[in-house]
PDB file of N, CA and C in Angstrom:
ATOM      1  N   MET A   1     -16.637  -8.203   4.291  1.00  0.00           N
ATOM      2  CA  MET A   1     -16.615  -6.937   3.594  1.00  0.00           C
ATOM      3  C   MET A   1     -17.937  -6.788   2.838  1.00  0.00           C
ATOM      4  N   LEU A   2     -18.494  -5.623   2.908  1.00  0.00           N
ATOM      5  CA  LEU A   2     -19.706  -5.288   2.163  1.00  0.00           C
ATOM      6  C   LEU A   2     -19.291  -4.614   0.870  1.00  0.00           C
ATOM      7  N   ALA A   3     -19.724  -5.116  -0.269  1.00  0.00           N
ATOM      8  CA  ALA A   3     -19.421  -4.520  -1.565  1.00  0.00           C
ATOM      9  C   ALA A   3     -20.692  -3.882  -2.112  1.00  0.00           C
ATOM     10  N   LEU A   4     -20.614  -2.608  -2.454  1.00  0.00           N
ATOM     11  CA  LEU A   4     -21.769  -1.875  -2.973  1.00  0.00           C
ATOM     12  C   LEU A   4     -21.435  -1.265  -4.319  1.00  0.00           C
ATOM     13  N   SER A   5     -22.438  -1.134  -5.148  1.00  0.00           N
ATOM     14  CA  SER A   5     -22.289  -0.403  -6.405  1.00  0.00           C
ATOM     15  C   SER A   5     -22.925   0.966  -6.225  1.00  0.00           C
ATOM     16  N   ARG A   6     -22.220   1.994  -6.616  1.00  0.00           N
ATOM     17  CA  ARG A   6     -22.723   3.362  -6.522  1.00  0.00           C
ATOM     18  C   ARG A   6     -22.387   4.083  -7.806  1.00  0.00           C
ATOM     19  N   LYS A   7     -23.204   5.037  -8.180  1.00  0.00           N
ATOM     20  CA  LYS A   7     -22.964   5.884  -9.341  1.00  0.00           C
ATOM     21  C   LYS A   7     -22.547   7.260  -8.855  1.00  0.00           C
ATOM     22  N   LYS A   8     -22.082   8.070  -9.784  1.00  0.00           N
ATOM     23  CA  LYS A   8     -21.680   9.440  -9.455  1.00  0.00           C
ATOM     24  C   LYS A   8     -22.810  10.149  -8.707  1.00  0.00           C
ATOM     25  N   ASP A   9     -22.455  10.888  -7.662  1.00  0.00           N
ATOM     26  CA  ASP A   9     -23.363  11.652  -6.799  1.00  0.00           C
ATOM     27  C   ASP A   9     -24.200  10.787  -5.857  1.00  0.00           C
ATOM     28  N   GLU A  10     -23.988   9.472  -5.848  1.00  0.00           N
ATOM     29  CA  GLU A  10     -24.648   8.614  -4.872  1.00  0.00           C
ATOM     30  C   GLU A  10     -23.721   8.456  -3.666  1.00  0.00           C
ATOM     31  N   ALA A  11     -24.299   8.059  -2.534  1.00  0.00           N
ATOM     32  CA  ALA A  11     -23.518   7.992  -1.302  1.00  0.00           C
ATOM     33  C   ALA A  11     -23.928   6.793  -0.467  1.00  0.00           C
ATOM     34  N   ILE A  12     -23.121   6.523   0.531  1.00  0.00           N
ATOM     35  CA  ILE A  12     -23.478   5.562   1.570  1.00  0.00           C
ATOM     36  C   ILE A  12     -23.301   6.273   2.916  1.00  0.00           C
ATOM     37  N   VAL A  13     -24.017   5.807   3.921  1.00  0.00           N
ATOM     38  CA  VAL A  13     -23.926   6.378   5.262  1.00  0.00           C
ATOM     39  C   VAL A  13     -23.503   5.272   6.221  1.00  0.00           C
ATOM     40  N   ILE A  14     -22.549   5.604   7.092  1.00  0.00           N
ATOM     41  CA  ILE A  14     -22.045   4.662   8.087  1.00  0.00           C
ATOM     42  C   ILE A  14     -22.318   5.245   9.470  1.00  0.00           C
ATOM     43  N   ASP A  15     -22.992   4.480  10.302  1.00  0.00           N
ATOM     44  CA  ASP A  15     -23.225   4.837  11.705  1.00  0.00           C
ATOM     45  C   ASP A  15     -23.861   6.223  11.875  1.00  0.00           C
ATOM     46  N   ASN A  16     -24.756   6.576  11.013  1.00  0.00           N
ATOM     47  CA  ASN A  16     -25.559   7.809  11.093  1.00  0.00           C
ATOM     48  C   ASN A  16     -24.785   9.116  10.941  1.00  0.00           C
ATOM     49  N   ASP A  17     -23.452   9.115  11.043  1.00  0.00           N
ATOM     50  CA  ASP A  17     -22.752  10.391  10.973  1.00  0.00           C
ATOM     51  C   ASP A  17     -21.541  10.415  10.042  1.00  0.00           C
ATOM     52  N   ILE A  18     -21.350   9.351   9.276  1.00  0.00           N
ATOM     53  CA  ILE A  18     -20.275   9.324   8.279  1.00  0.00           C
ATOM     54  C   ILE A  18     -20.915   9.077   6.917  1.00  0.00           C
ATOM     55  N   GLU A  19     -20.642   9.982   5.987  1.00  0.00           N
ATOM     56  CA  GLU A  19     -21.176   9.839   4.629  1.00  0.00           C
ATOM     57  C   GLU A  19     -20.017   9.770   3.644  1.00  0.00           C
ATOM     58  N   ILE A  20     -20.074   8.782   2.759  1.00  0.00           N
ATOM     59  CA  ILE A  20     -19.081   8.635   1.698  1.00  0.00           C
ATOM     60  C   ILE A  20     -19.818   8.795   0.380  1.00  0.00           C
ATOM     61  N   LYS A  21     -19.419   9.812  -0.384  1.00  0.00           N
ATOM     62  CA  LYS A  21     -20.108  10.150  -1.627  1.00  0.00           C
ATOM     63  C   LYS A  21     -19.161   9.991  -2.813  1.00  0.00           C
ATOM     64  N   ILE A  22     -19.689   9.457  -3.914  1.00  0.00           N
ATOM     65  CA  ILE A  22     -18.923   9.344  -5.148  1.00  0.00           C
ATOM     66  C   ILE A  22     -18.953  10.717  -5.820  1.00  0.00           C
ATOM     67  N   ILE A  23     -17.805  11.361  -5.891  1.00  0.00           N
ATOM     68  CA  ILE A  23     -17.713  12.709  -6.462  1.00  0.00           C
ATOM     69  C   ILE A  23     -17.513  12.653  -7.975  1.00  0.00           C
ATOM     70  N   ASP A  24     -16.633  11.747  -8.414  1.00  0.00           N
ATOM     71  CA  ASP A  24     -16.316  11.683  -9.837  1.00  0.00           C
ATOM     72  C   ASP A  24     -15.769  10.298 -10.174  1.00  0.00           C
ATOM     73  N   ILE A  25     -15.982   9.879 -11.408  1.00  0.00           N
ATOM     74  CA  ILE A  25     -15.451   8.618 -11.906  1.00  0.00           C
ATOM     75  C   ILE A  25     -14.803   8.901 -13.254  1.00  0.00           C
ATOM     76  N   LYS A  26     -13.495   8.607 -13.355  1.00  0.00           N
ATOM     77  CA  LYS A  26     -12.765   8.780 -14.618  1.00  0.00           C
ATOM     78  C   LYS A  26     -11.954   7.523 -14.860  1.00  0.00           C
ATOM     79  N   GLY A  27     -12.367   6.740 -15.843  1.00  0.00           N
ATOM     80  CA  GLY A  27     -11.671   5.486 -16.139  1.00  0.00           C
ATOM     81  C   GLY A  27     -11.730   4.554 -14.943  1.00  0.00           C
ATOM     82  N   ASP A  28     -10.534   4.154 -14.452  1.00  0.00           N
ATOM     83  CA  ASP A  28     -10.489   3.241 -13.311  1.00  0.00           C
ATOM     84  C   ASP A  28     -10.256   3.976 -11.984  1.00  0.00           C
ATOM     85  N   GLN A  29     -10.427   5.290 -12.002  1.00  0.00           N
ATOM     86  CA  GLN A  29     -10.215   6.081 -10.797  1.00  0.00           C
ATOM     87  C   GLN A  29     -11.534   6.664 -10.297  1.00  0.00           C
ATOM     88  N   VAL A  30     -11.743   6.570  -8.992  1.00  0.00           N
ATOM     89  CA  VAL A  30     -12.961   7.069  -8.359  1.00  0.00           C
ATOM     90  C   VAL A  30     -12.566   8.119  -7.331  1.00  0.00           C
ATOM     91  N   LYS A  31     -13.211   9.279  -7.371  1.00  0.00           N
ATOM     92  CA  LYS A  31     -12.961  10.324  -6.387  1.00  0.00           C
ATOM     93  C   LYS A  31     -14.075  10.284  -5.352  1.00  0.00           C
ATOM     94  N   LEU A  32     -13.675  10.151  -4.070  1.00  0.00           N
ATOM     95  CA  LEU A  32     -14.624  10.044  -2.972  1.00  0.00           C
ATOM     96  C   LEU A  32     -14.628  11.322  -2.143  1.00  0.00           C
ATOM     97  N   GLY A  33     -15.792  11.670  -1.633  1.00  0.00           N
ATOM     98  CA  GLY A  33     -15.911  12.733  -0.650  1.00  0.00           C
ATOM     99  C   GLY A  33     -16.375  12.094   0.647  1.00  0.00           C
ATOM    100  N   ILE A  34     -15.704  12.424   1.752  1.00  0.00           N
ATOM    101  CA  ILE A  34     -16.040  11.812   3.033  1.00  0.00           C
ATOM    102  C   ILE A  34     -16.400  12.906   4.028  1.00  0.00           C
ATOM    103  N   SER A  35     -17.594  12.819   4.572  1.00  0.00           N
ATOM    104  CA  SER A  35     -18.036  13.731   5.627  1.00  0.00           C
ATOM    105  C   SER A  35     -18.131  12.938   6.915  1.00  0.00           C
ATOM    106  N   ALA A  36     -17.389  13.381   7.918  1.00  0.00           N
ATOM    107  CA  ALA A  36     -17.379  12.683   9.201  1.00  0.00           C
ATOM    108  C   ALA A  36     -17.062  13.682  10.307  1.00  0.00           C
ATOM    109  N   PRO A  37     -17.414  13.361  11.538  1.00  0.00           N
ATOM    110  CA  PRO A  37     -17.050  14.234  12.653  1.00  0.00           C
ATOM    111  C   PRO A  37     -15.526  14.399  12.724  1.00  0.00           C
ATOM    112  N   LYS A  38     -15.078  15.543  13.207  1.00  0.00           N
ATOM    113  CA  LYS A  38     -13.636  15.797  13.309  1.00  0.00           C
ATOM    114  C   LYS A  38     -12.933  14.801  14.209  1.00  0.00           C
ATOM    115  N   SER A  39     -13.672  14.180  15.107  1.00  0.00           N
ATOM    116  CA  SER A  39     -13.073  13.209  16.021  1.00  0.00           C
ATOM    117  C   SER A  39     -12.758  11.874  15.342  1.00  0.00           C
ATOM    118  N   VAL A  40     -13.206  11.686  14.103  1.00  0.00           N
ATOM    119  CA  VAL A  40     -12.972  10.443  13.367  1.00  0.00           C
ATOM    120  C   VAL A  40     -11.783  10.637  12.431  1.00  0.00           C
ATOM    121  N   PRO A  41     -10.654   9.970  12.710  1.00  0.00           N
ATOM    122  CA  PRO A  41      -9.509  10.106  11.809  1.00  0.00           C
ATOM    123  C   PRO A  41      -9.770   9.358  10.498  1.00  0.00           C
ATOM    124  N   ILE A  42      -9.355   9.977   9.387  1.00  0.00           N
ATOM    125  CA  ILE A  42      -9.532   9.365   8.068  1.00  0.00           C
ATOM    126  C   ILE A  42      -8.175   9.384   7.374  1.00  0.00           C
ATOM    127  N   TYR A  43      -7.683   8.206   6.988  1.00  0.00           N
ATOM    128  CA  TYR A  43      -6.387   8.077   6.329  1.00  0.00           C
ATOM    129  C   TYR A  43      -6.521   7.216   5.088  1.00  0.00           C
ATOM    130  N   ARG A  44      -5.677   7.481   4.092  1.00  0.00           N
ATOM    131  CA  ARG A  44      -5.519   6.525   2.999  1.00  0.00           C
ATOM    132  C   ARG A  44      -4.830   5.301   3.593  1.00  0.00           C
ATOM    133  N   LYS A  45      -5.129   4.132   3.084  1.00  0.00           N
ATOM    134  CA  LYS A  45      -4.622   2.896   3.683  1.00  0.00           C
ATOM    135  C   LYS A  45      -3.096   2.867   3.738  1.00  0.00           C
ATOM    136  N   GLU A  46      -2.413   3.326   2.689  1.00  0.00           N
ATOM    137  CA  GLU A  46      -0.956   3.281   2.684  1.00  0.00           C
ATOM    138  C   GLU A  46      -0.366   4.233   3.737  1.00  0.00           C
ATOM    139  N   VAL A  47      -1.018   5.349   3.985  1.00  0.00           N
ATOM    140  CA  VAL A  47      -0.572   6.272   5.028  1.00  0.00           C
ATOM    141  C   VAL A  47      -0.817   5.654   6.405  1.00  0.00           C
ATOM    142  N   TYR A  48      -1.976   5.034   6.583  1.00  0.00           N
ATOM    143  CA  TYR A  48      -2.294   4.367   7.843  1.00  0.00           C
ATOM    144  C   TYR A  48      -1.271   3.274   8.148  1.00  0.00           C
ATOM    145  N   ALA A  49      -0.855   2.529   7.132  1.00  0.00           N
ATOM    146  CA  ALA A  49       0.141   1.472   7.327  1.00  0.00           C
ATOM    147  C   ALA A  49       1.467   2.075   7.783  1.00  0.00           C
ATOM    148  N   GLN A  50       1.868   3.218   7.222  1.00  0.00           N
ATOM    149  CA  GLN A  50       3.106   3.883   7.634  1.00  0.00           C
ATOM    150  C   GLN A  50       3.007   4.371   9.086  1.00  0.00           C
ATOM    151  N   ILE A  51       1.876   4.926   9.457  1.00  0.00           N
ATOM    152  CA  ILE A  51       1.671   5.393  10.827  1.00  0.00           C
ATOM    153  C   ILE A  51       1.748   4.219  11.796  1.00  0.00           C
ATOM    154  N   THR A  52       1.083   3.121  11.441  1.00  0.00           N
ATOM    155  CA  THR A  52       1.087   1.934  12.299  1.00  0.00           C
ATOM    156  C   THR A  52       2.504   1.403  12.477  1.00  0.00           C
ATOM    157  N   GLU A  53       3.254   1.341  11.397  1.00  0.00           N
ATOM    158  CA  GLU A  53       4.637   0.843  11.465  1.00  0.00           C
ATOM    159  C   GLU A  53       5.503   1.776  12.308  1.00  0.00           C
ATOM    160  N   ALA A  54       5.347   3.068  12.143  1.00  0.00           N
ATOM    161  CA  ALA A  54       6.114   4.028  12.944  1.00  0.00           C
ATOM    162  C   ALA A  54       5.779   3.894  14.424  1.00  0.00           C
ATOM    163  N   ASN A  55       4.509   3.669  14.733  1.00  0.00           N
ATOM    164  CA  ASN A  55       4.105   3.477  16.132  1.00  0.00           C
ATOM    165  C   ASN A  55       4.713   2.211  16.716  1.00  0.00           C
ATOM    166  N   LYS A  56       4.783   1.141  15.908  1.00  0.00           N
ATOM    167  CA  LYS A  56       5.390  -0.103  16.379  1.00  0.00           C
ATOM    168  C   LYS A  56       6.870   0.103  16.671  1.00  0.00           C
ATOM    169  N   GLU A  57       7.549   0.828  15.782  1.00  0.00           N
ATOM    170  CA  GLU A  57       8.970   1.099  15.983  1.00  0.00           C
ATOM    171  C   GLU A  57       9.190   1.964  17.218  1.00  0.00           C
ATOM    172  N   ALA A  58       8.324   2.937  17.432  1.00  0.00           N
ATOM    173  CA  ALA A  58       8.454   3.823  18.585  1.00  0.00           C
ATOM    174  C   ALA A  58       8.225   3.063  19.890  1.00  0.00           C
ATOM    175  N   ALA A  59       7.412   2.027  19.838  1.00  0.00           N
ATOM    176  CA  ALA A  59       7.109   1.241  21.033  1.00  0.00           C
ATOM    177  C   ALA A  59       8.090   0.081  21.219  1.00  0.00           C
ATOM    178  N   ASN A  60       9.115   0.045  20.402  1.00  0.00           N
ATOM    179  CA  ASN A  60      10.108  -1.021  20.453  1.00  0.00           C
ATOM    180  C   ASN A  60      10.717  -1.091  21.852  1.00  0.00           C
ATOM    181  N   VAL A  61      10.680  -2.259  22.457  1.00  0.00           N
ATOM    182  CA  VAL A  61      11.186  -2.451  23.826  1.00  0.00           C
ATOM    183  C   VAL A  61      12.658  -2.093  23.912  1.00  0.00           C
ATOM    184  N   GLU A  62      13.434  -2.426  22.893  1.00  0.00           N
ATOM    185  CA  GLU A  62      14.864  -2.117  22.910  1.00  0.00           C
ATOM    186  C   GLU A  62      15.073  -0.615  23.029  1.00  0.00           C
ATOM    187  N   GLY A  63      14.270   0.157  22.310  1.00  0.00           N
ATOM    188  CA  GLY A  63      14.369   1.618  22.377  1.00  0.00           C
ATOM    189  C   GLY A  63      14.006   2.142  23.760  1.00  0.00           C
ATOM    190  N   ILE A  64      13.026   1.528  24.399  1.00  0.00           N
ATOM    191  CA  ILE A  64      12.635   1.932  25.760  1.00  0.00           C
ATOM    192  C   ILE A  64      13.766   1.631  26.733  1.00  0.00           C
ATOM    193  N   ASP A  65      14.419   0.484  26.581  1.00  0.00           N
ATOM    194  CA  ASP A  65      15.540   0.134  27.455  1.00  0.00           C
ATOM    195  C   ASP A  65      16.681   1.138  27.302  1.00  0.00           C
ATOM    196  N   LYS A  66      16.962   1.552  26.069  1.00  0.00           N
ATOM    197  CA  LYS A  66      18.008   2.547  25.843  1.00  0.00           C
ATOM    198  C   LYS A  66      17.637   3.875  26.496  1.00  0.00           C
ATOM    199  N   LEU A  67      16.375   4.246  26.406  1.00  0.00           N
ATOM    200  CA  LEU A  67      15.902   5.484  27.029  1.00  0.00           C
ATOM    201  C   LEU A  67      16.037   5.413  28.542  1.00  0.00           C
ATOM    202  N   LYS A  68      15.691   4.273  29.122  1.00  0.00           N
ATOM    203  CA  LYS A  68      15.834   4.095  30.573  1.00  0.00           C
ATOM    204  C   LYS A  68      17.281   4.238  31.002  1.00  0.00           C
ATOM    205  N   GLN A  69      18.219   3.749  30.183  1.00  0.00           N
ATOM    206  CA  GLN A  69      19.639   3.858  30.503  1.00  0.00           C
ATOM    207  C   GLN A  69      20.078   5.316  30.516  1.00  0.00           C
ATOM    208  N   LEU A  70      19.513   6.118  29.640  1.00  0.00           N
ATOM    209  CA  LEU A  70      19.865   7.536  29.599  1.00  0.00           C
ATOM    210  C   LEU A  70      19.358   8.275  30.838  1.00  0.00           C
ATOM    211  N   LEU A  71      18.256   7.803  31.383  1.00  0.00           N
ATOM    212  CA  LEU A  71      17.677   8.464  32.558  1.00  0.00           C
ATOM    213  C   LEU A  71      18.346   7.910  33.785  1.00  0.00           C
TER     214      LEU A  71
END
């Protein structure tokens, strides 16, 4: 993991087309602005974890077997 220090209105660039900018800092909370191509999905980590878990459940082999029985 790369750890960087940034101040308000400073940014980092990833792979020439993703920019992450520090919008505001209040106490222990940091507001980020992210500019990226529309083809790049951006999720909060807790939302990404929920999506990943839902995908695992949807791909459950037992569920596929039940679906095959219905067909």
